[in-house]
Amino acid sequence: MSTQPEAATSRRALDALIDWLIAEDEAETEATGGCPACDTQAIEMCVACGSCRCDRHDTCTRPAQEA
């Protein structure tokens, strides 16, 4: 028999589930070419340099649009 109240046990289970879901999302982001640190998906990477939002992009120039 557990000495922990049911609410504390449920809260720990919920916290563990949240941690697992966050880790799964970060792994998927990294596996698809994104950056899990700043949650930038691959499609959202900087057009000019290909980097994520972890760094500033003040010097990046957007490539000219192809006609």
PDB file of N, CA and C in Angstrom:
ATOM      1  N   MET A   1       0.842  -1.173   0.000  1.00  0.00           N
ATOM      2  CA  MET A   1       0.000   0.000   0.000  1.00  0.00           C
ATOM      3  C   MET A   1       0.886   1.234   0.000  1.00  0.00           C
ATOM      4  N   SER A   2       0.559   2.189  -0.844  1.00  0.00           N
ATOM      5  CA  SER A   2       1.328   3.412  -0.976  1.00  0.00           C
ATOM      6  C   SER A   2       0.965   4.399   0.118  1.00  0.00           C
ATOM      7  N   THR A   3       1.978   5.129   0.583  1.00  0.00           N
ATOM      8  CA  THR A   3       1.724   6.154   1.592  1.00  0.00           C
ATOM      9  C   THR A   3       1.485   7.511   0.945  1.00  0.00           C
ATOM     10  N   GLN A   4       1.679   7.610  -0.392  1.00  0.00           N
ATOM     11  CA  GLN A   4       1.466   8.863  -1.113  1.00  0.00           C
ATOM     12  C   GLN A   4      -0.026   9.053  -1.388  1.00  0.00           C
ATOM     13  N   PRO A   5      -0.515  10.271  -1.243  1.00  0.00           N
ATOM     14  CA  PRO A   5      -1.907  10.533  -1.617  1.00  0.00           C
ATOM     15  C   PRO A   5      -2.099  10.303  -3.113  1.00  0.00           C
ATOM     16  N   GLU A   6      -3.284   9.938  -3.500  1.00  0.00           N
ATOM     17  CA  GLU A   6      -3.576   9.643  -4.904  1.00  0.00           C
ATOM     18  C   GLU A   6      -3.299  10.856  -5.799  1.00  0.00           C
ATOM     19  N   ALA A   7      -3.588  12.057  -5.340  1.00  0.00           N
ATOM     20  CA  ALA A   7      -3.364  13.260  -6.138  1.00  0.00           C
ATOM     21  C   ALA A   7      -1.881  13.453  -6.445  1.00  0.00           C
ATOM     22  N   ALA A   8      -1.006  13.166  -5.487  1.00  0.00           N
ATOM     23  CA  ALA A   8       0.437  13.312  -5.704  1.00  0.00           C
ATOM     24  C   ALA A   8       0.916  12.296  -6.733  1.00  0.00           C
ATOM     25  N   THR A   9       0.402  11.077  -6.659  1.00  0.00           N
ATOM     26  CA  THR A   9       0.770  10.044  -7.614  1.00  0.00           C
ATOM     27  C   THR A   9       0.288  10.411  -9.010  1.00  0.00           C
ATOM     28  N   SER A  10      -0.928  10.917  -9.126  1.00  0.00           N
ATOM     29  CA  SER A  10      -1.479  11.334 -10.405  1.00  0.00           C
ATOM     30  C   SER A  10      -0.681  12.503 -10.979  1.00  0.00           C
ATOM     31  N   ARG A  11      -0.267  13.417 -10.127  1.00  0.00           N
ATOM     32  CA  ARG A  11       0.506  14.571 -10.587  1.00  0.00           C
ATOM     33  C   ARG A  11       1.863  14.129 -11.132  1.00  0.00           C
ATOM     34  N   ARG A  12       2.510  13.169 -10.444  1.00  0.00           N
ATOM     35  CA  ARG A  12       3.797  12.654 -10.922  1.00  0.00           C
ATOM     36  C   ARG A  12       3.625  11.945 -12.256  1.00  0.00           C
ATOM     37  N   ALA A  13       2.551  11.199 -12.407  1.00  0.00           N
ATOM     38  CA  ALA A  13       2.294  10.514 -13.671  1.00  0.00           C
ATOM     39  C   ALA A  13       2.043  11.519 -14.786  1.00  0.00           C
ATOM     40  N   LEU A  14       1.314  12.574 -14.500  1.00  0.00           N
ATOM     41  CA  LEU A  14       1.041  13.612 -15.491  1.00  0.00           C
ATOM     42  C   LEU A  14       2.337  14.346 -15.865  1.00  0.00           C
ATOM     43  N   ASP A  15       3.154  14.667 -14.875  1.00  0.00           N
ATOM     44  CA  ASP A  15       4.441  15.320 -15.149  1.00  0.00           C
ATOM     45  C   ASP A  15       5.338  14.437 -16.009  1.00  0.00           C
ATOM     46  N   ALA A  16       5.354  13.135 -15.730  1.00  0.00           N
ATOM     47  CA  ALA A  16       6.160  12.198 -16.522  1.00  0.00           C
ATOM     48  C   ALA A  16       5.645  12.128 -17.954  1.00  0.00           C
ATOM     49  N   LEU A  17       4.345  12.133 -18.139  1.00  0.00           N
ATOM     50  CA  LEU A  17       3.759  12.105 -19.476  1.00  0.00           C
ATOM     51  C   LEU A  17       4.101  13.370 -20.252  1.00  0.00           C
ATOM     52  N   ILE A  18       4.019  14.513 -19.600  1.00  0.00           N
ATOM     53  CA  ILE A  18       4.363  15.789 -20.243  1.00  0.00           C
ATOM     54  C   ILE A  18       5.828  15.791 -20.652  1.00  0.00           C
ATOM     55  N   ASP A  19       6.709  15.349 -19.755  1.00  0.00           N
ATOM     56  CA  ASP A  19       8.138  15.276 -20.079  1.00  0.00           C
ATOM     57  C   ASP A  19       8.386  14.363 -21.275  1.00  0.00           C
ATOM     58  N   TRP A  20       7.709  13.233 -21.321  1.00  0.00           N
ATOM     59  CA  TRP A  20       7.858  12.282 -22.422  1.00  0.00           C
ATOM     60  C   TRP A  20       7.377  12.893 -23.741  1.00  0.00           C
ATOM     61  N   LEU A  21       6.249  13.585 -23.714  1.00  0.00           N
ATOM     62  CA  LEU A  21       5.720  14.210 -24.927  1.00  0.00           C
ATOM     63  C   LEU A  21       6.643  15.315 -25.442  1.00  0.00           C
ATOM     64  N   ILE A  22       7.210  16.100 -24.540  1.00  0.00           N
ATOM     65  CA  ILE A  22       8.146  17.149 -24.942  1.00  0.00           C
ATOM     66  C   ILE A  22       9.388  16.529 -25.569  1.00  0.00           C
ATOM     67  N   ALA A  23       9.920  15.482 -24.949  1.00  0.00           N
ATOM     68  CA  ALA A  23      11.108  14.808 -25.489  1.00  0.00           C
ATOM     69  C   ALA A  23      10.820  14.207 -26.860  1.00  0.00           C
ATOM     70  N   GLU A  24       9.649  13.634 -27.032  1.00  0.00           N
ATOM     71  CA  GLU A  24       9.272  13.056 -28.325  1.00  0.00           C
ATOM     72  C   GLU A  24       9.174  14.145 -29.391  1.00  0.00           C
ATOM     73  N   ASP A  25       8.584  15.284 -29.046  1.00  0.00           N
ATOM     74  CA  ASP A  25       8.473  16.392 -29.991  1.00  0.00           C
ATOM     75  C   ASP A  25       9.855  16.929 -30.381  1.00  0.00           C
ATOM     76  N   GLU A  26      10.742  17.083 -29.401  1.00  0.00           N
ATOM     77  CA  GLU A  26      12.090  17.562 -29.675  1.00  0.00           C
ATOM     78  C   GLU A  26      12.858  16.588 -30.565  1.00  0.00           C
ATOM     79  N   ALA A  27      12.699  15.292 -30.321  1.00  0.00           N
ATOM     80  CA  ALA A  27      13.381  14.281 -31.139  1.00  0.00           C
ATOM     81  C   ALA A  27      12.873  14.312 -32.574  1.00  0.00           C
ATOM     82  N   GLU A  28      11.574  14.479 -32.750  1.00  0.00           N
ATOM     83  CA  GLU A  28      11.004  14.557 -34.094  1.00  0.00           C
ATOM     84  C   GLU A  28      11.481  15.810 -34.824  1.00  0.00           C
ATOM     85  N   THR A  29      11.536  16.943 -34.109  1.00  0.00           N
ATOM     86  CA  THR A  29      12.022  18.185 -34.705  1.00  0.00           C
ATOM     87  C   THR A  29      13.461  18.021 -35.186  1.00  0.00           C
ATOM     88  N   GLU A  30      14.308  17.419 -34.341  1.00  0.00           N
ATOM     89  CA  GLU A  30      15.707  17.223 -34.711  1.00  0.00           C
ATOM     90  C   GLU A  30      15.835  16.229 -35.866  1.00  0.00           C
ATOM     91  N   ALA A  31      15.049  15.171 -35.858  1.00  0.00           N
ATOM     92  CA  ALA A  31      15.133  14.148 -36.905  1.00  0.00           C
ATOM     93  C   ALA A  31      14.705  14.675 -38.270  1.00  0.00           C
ATOM     94  N   THR A  32      13.862  15.689 -38.292  1.00  0.00           N
ATOM     95  CA  THR A  32      13.390  16.239 -39.562  1.00  0.00           C
ATOM     96  C   THR A  32      14.186  17.463 -40.005  1.00  0.00           C
ATOM     97  N   GLY A  33      15.306  17.742 -39.319  1.00  0.00           N
ATOM     98  CA  GLY A  33      16.180  18.831 -39.740  1.00  0.00           C
ATOM     99  C   GLY A  33      15.945  20.144 -39.044  1.00  0.00           C
ATOM    100  N   GLY A  34      15.129  20.156 -38.006  1.00  0.00           N
ATOM    101  CA  GLY A  34      14.864  21.385 -37.270  1.00  0.00           C
ATOM    102  C   GLY A  34      15.780  21.524 -36.071  1.00  0.00           C
ATOM    103  N   CYS A  35      15.519  22.519 -35.268  1.00  0.00           N
ATOM    104  CA  CYS A  35      16.314  22.784 -34.065  1.00  0.00           C
ATOM    105  C   CYS A  35      15.414  22.661 -32.838  1.00  0.00           C
ATOM    106  N   PRO A  36      15.604  21.623 -32.035  1.00  0.00           N
ATOM    107  CA  PRO A  36      14.762  21.465 -30.848  1.00  0.00           C
ATOM    108  C   PRO A  36      15.022  22.521 -29.770  1.00  0.00           C
ATOM    109  N   ALA A  37      16.195  23.158 -29.785  1.00  0.00           N
ATOM    110  CA  ALA A  37      16.514  24.159 -28.761  1.00  0.00           C
ATOM    111  C   ALA A  37      15.582  25.361 -28.839  1.00  0.00           C
ATOM    112  N   CYS A  38      15.269  25.803 -30.063  1.00  0.00           N
ATOM    113  CA  CYS A  38      14.390  26.967 -30.216  1.00  0.00           C
ATOM    114  C   CYS A  38      13.069  26.583 -30.880  1.00  0.00           C
ATOM    115  N   ASP A  39      12.859  25.292 -31.067  1.00  0.00           N
ATOM    116  CA  ASP A  39      11.637  24.740 -31.653  1.00  0.00           C
ATOM    117  C   ASP A  39      11.374  25.273 -33.057  1.00  0.00           C
ATOM    118  N   THR A  40      12.452  25.433 -33.832  1.00  0.00           N
ATOM    119  CA  THR A  40      12.311  25.840 -35.226  1.00  0.00           C
ATOM    120  C   THR A  40      12.186  24.589 -36.077  1.00  0.00           C
ATOM    121  N   GLN A  41      11.106  24.504 -36.822  1.00  0.00           N
ATOM    122  CA  GLN A  41      10.928  23.375 -37.727  1.00  0.00           C
ATOM    123  C   GLN A  41      11.798  23.592 -38.960  1.00  0.00           C
ATOM    124  N   ALA A  42      12.115  22.531 -39.675  1.00  0.00           N
ATOM    125  CA  ALA A  42      12.987  22.614 -40.849  1.00  0.00           C
ATOM    126  C   ALA A  42      12.463  23.621 -41.865  1.00  0.00           C
ATOM    127  N   ILE A  43      11.169  23.675 -42.050  1.00  0.00           N
ATOM    128  CA  ILE A  43      10.565  24.583 -43.031  1.00  0.00           C
ATOM    129  C   ILE A  43      10.674  26.044 -42.592  1.00  0.00           C
ATOM    130  N   GLU A  44      10.943  26.289 -41.305  1.00  0.00           N
ATOM    131  CA  GLU A  44      11.030  27.644 -40.773  1.00  0.00           C
ATOM    132  C   GLU A  44      12.463  28.174 -40.699  1.00  0.00           C
ATOM    133  N   MET A  45      13.445  27.395 -41.150  1.00  0.00           N
ATOM    134  CA  MET A  45      14.835  27.833 -41.083  1.00  0.00           C
ATOM    135  C   MET A  45      15.025  29.081 -41.947  1.00  0.00           C
ATOM    136  N   CYS A  46      16.015  29.889 -41.617  1.00  0.00           N
ATOM    137  CA  CYS A  46      16.304  31.130 -42.336  1.00  0.00           C
ATOM    138  C   CYS A  46      16.545  30.826 -43.817  1.00  0.00           C
ATOM    139  N   VAL A  47      15.880  31.558 -44.678  1.00  0.00           N
ATOM    140  CA  VAL A  47      16.015  31.356 -46.118  1.00  0.00           C
ATOM    141  C   VAL A  47      17.427  31.704 -46.575  1.00  0.00           C
ATOM    142  N   ALA A  48      18.031  32.717 -45.976  1.00  0.00           N
ATOM    143  CA  ALA A  48      19.346  33.192 -46.421  1.00  0.00           C
ATOM    144  C   ALA A  48      20.484  32.271 -45.995  1.00  0.00           C
ATOM    145  N   CYS A  49      20.506  31.850 -44.732  1.00  0.00           N
ATOM    146  CA  CYS A  49      21.661  31.089 -44.247  1.00  0.00           C
ATOM    147  C   CYS A  49      21.332  29.660 -43.832  1.00  0.00           C
ATOM    148  N   GLY A  50      20.050  29.334 -43.713  1.00  0.00           N
ATOM    149  CA  GLY A  50      19.653  27.980 -43.345  1.00  0.00           C
ATOM    150  C   GLY A  50      19.698  27.690 -41.861  1.00  0.00           C
ATOM    151  N   SER A  51      19.990  28.701 -41.034  1.00  0.00           N
ATOM    152  CA  SER A  51      20.081  28.504 -39.589  1.00  0.00           C
ATOM    153  C   SER A  51      18.733  28.745 -38.915  1.00  0.00           C
ATOM    154  N   CYS A  52      18.693  28.394 -37.632  1.00  0.00           N
ATOM    155  CA  CYS A  52      17.459  28.528 -36.857  1.00  0.00           C
ATOM    156  C   CYS A  52      17.389  29.873 -36.151  1.00  0.00           C
ATOM    157  N   ARG A  53      16.466  29.986 -35.201  1.00  0.00           N
ATOM    158  CA  ARG A  53      16.279  31.227 -34.454  1.00  0.00           C
ATOM    159  C   ARG A  53      17.198  31.346 -33.244  1.00  0.00           C
ATOM    160  N   CYS A  54      18.110  30.399 -33.045  1.00  0.00           N
ATOM    161  CA  CYS A  54      19.024  30.488 -31.902  1.00  0.00           C
ATOM    162  C   CYS A  54      19.971  31.675 -32.035  1.00  0.00           C
ATOM    163  N   ASP A  55      20.262  32.070 -33.260  1.00  0.00           N
ATOM    164  CA  ASP A  55      21.171  33.179 -33.514  1.00  0.00           C
ATOM    165  C   ASP A  55      20.421  34.316 -34.188  1.00  0.00           C
ATOM    166  N   ARG A  56      21.001  35.518 -34.097  1.00  0.00           N
ATOM    167  CA  ARG A  56      20.418  36.661 -34.802  1.00  0.00           C
ATOM    168  C   ARG A  56      20.765  36.558 -36.276  1.00  0.00           C
ATOM    169  N   HIS A  57      19.948  37.103 -37.106  1.00  0.00           N
ATOM    170  CA  HIS A  57      20.140  37.043 -38.546  1.00  0.00           C
ATOM    171  C   HIS A  57      20.168  38.444 -39.152  1.00  0.00           C
ATOM    172  N   ASP A  58      20.759  39.392 -38.421  1.00  0.00           N
ATOM    173  CA  ASP A  58      20.800  40.778 -38.882  1.00  0.00           C
ATOM    174  C   ASP A  58      21.579  40.930 -40.186  1.00  0.00           C
ATOM    175  N   THR A  59      22.583  40.101 -40.395  1.00  0.00           N
ATOM    176  CA  THR A  59      23.419  40.248 -41.590  1.00  0.00           C
ATOM    177  C   THR A  59      22.952  39.365 -42.737  1.00  0.00           C
ATOM    178  N   CYS A  60      21.955  38.551 -42.530  1.00  0.00           N
ATOM    179  CA  CYS A  60      21.466  37.676 -43.600  1.00  0.00           C
ATOM    180  C   CYS A  60      20.714  38.524 -44.639  1.00  0.00           C
ATOM    181  N   THR A  61      20.956  38.233 -45.877  1.00  0.00           N
ATOM    182  CA  THR A  61      20.190  38.871 -46.945  1.00  0.00           C
ATOM    183  C   THR A  61      19.390  37.795 -47.646  1.00  0.00           C
ATOM    184  N   ARG A  62      18.146  38.076 -47.799  1.00  0.00           N
ATOM    185  CA  ARG A  62      17.246  37.122 -48.425  1.00  0.00           C
ATOM    186  C   ARG A  62      17.607  36.977 -49.896  1.00  0.00           C
ATOM    187  N   PRO A  63      17.727  35.763 -50.373  1.00  0.00           N
ATOM    188  CA  PRO A  63      18.064  35.563 -51.797  1.00  0.00           C
ATOM    189  C   PRO A  63      17.009  36.181 -52.711  1.00  0.00           C
ATOM    190  N   ALA A  64      17.445  36.620 -53.874  1.00  0.00           N
ATOM    191  CA  ALA A  64      16.507  37.193 -54.856  1.00  0.00           C
ATOM    192  C   ALA A  64      15.533  36.117 -55.303  1.00  0.00           C
ATOM    193  N   GLN A  65      14.310  36.521 -55.519  1.00  0.00           N
ATOM    194  CA  GLN A  65      13.309  35.572 -55.987  1.00  0.00           C
ATOM    195  C   GLN A  65      13.607  35.194 -57.435  1.00  0.00           C
ATOM    196  N   GLU A  66      13.416  33.926 -57.707  1.00  0.00           N
ATOM    197  CA  GLU A  66      13.616  33.475 -59.071  1.00  0.00           C
ATOM    198  C   GLU A  66      12.411  33.854 -59.913  1.00  0.00           C
ATOM    199  N   ALA A  67      12.665  34.284 -61.122  1.00  0.00           N
ATOM    200  CA  ALA A  67      11.576  34.721 -62.000  1.00  0.00           C
ATOM    201  C   ALA A  67      10.952  33.549 -62.703  1.00  0.00           C
TER     202      ALA A  67
END
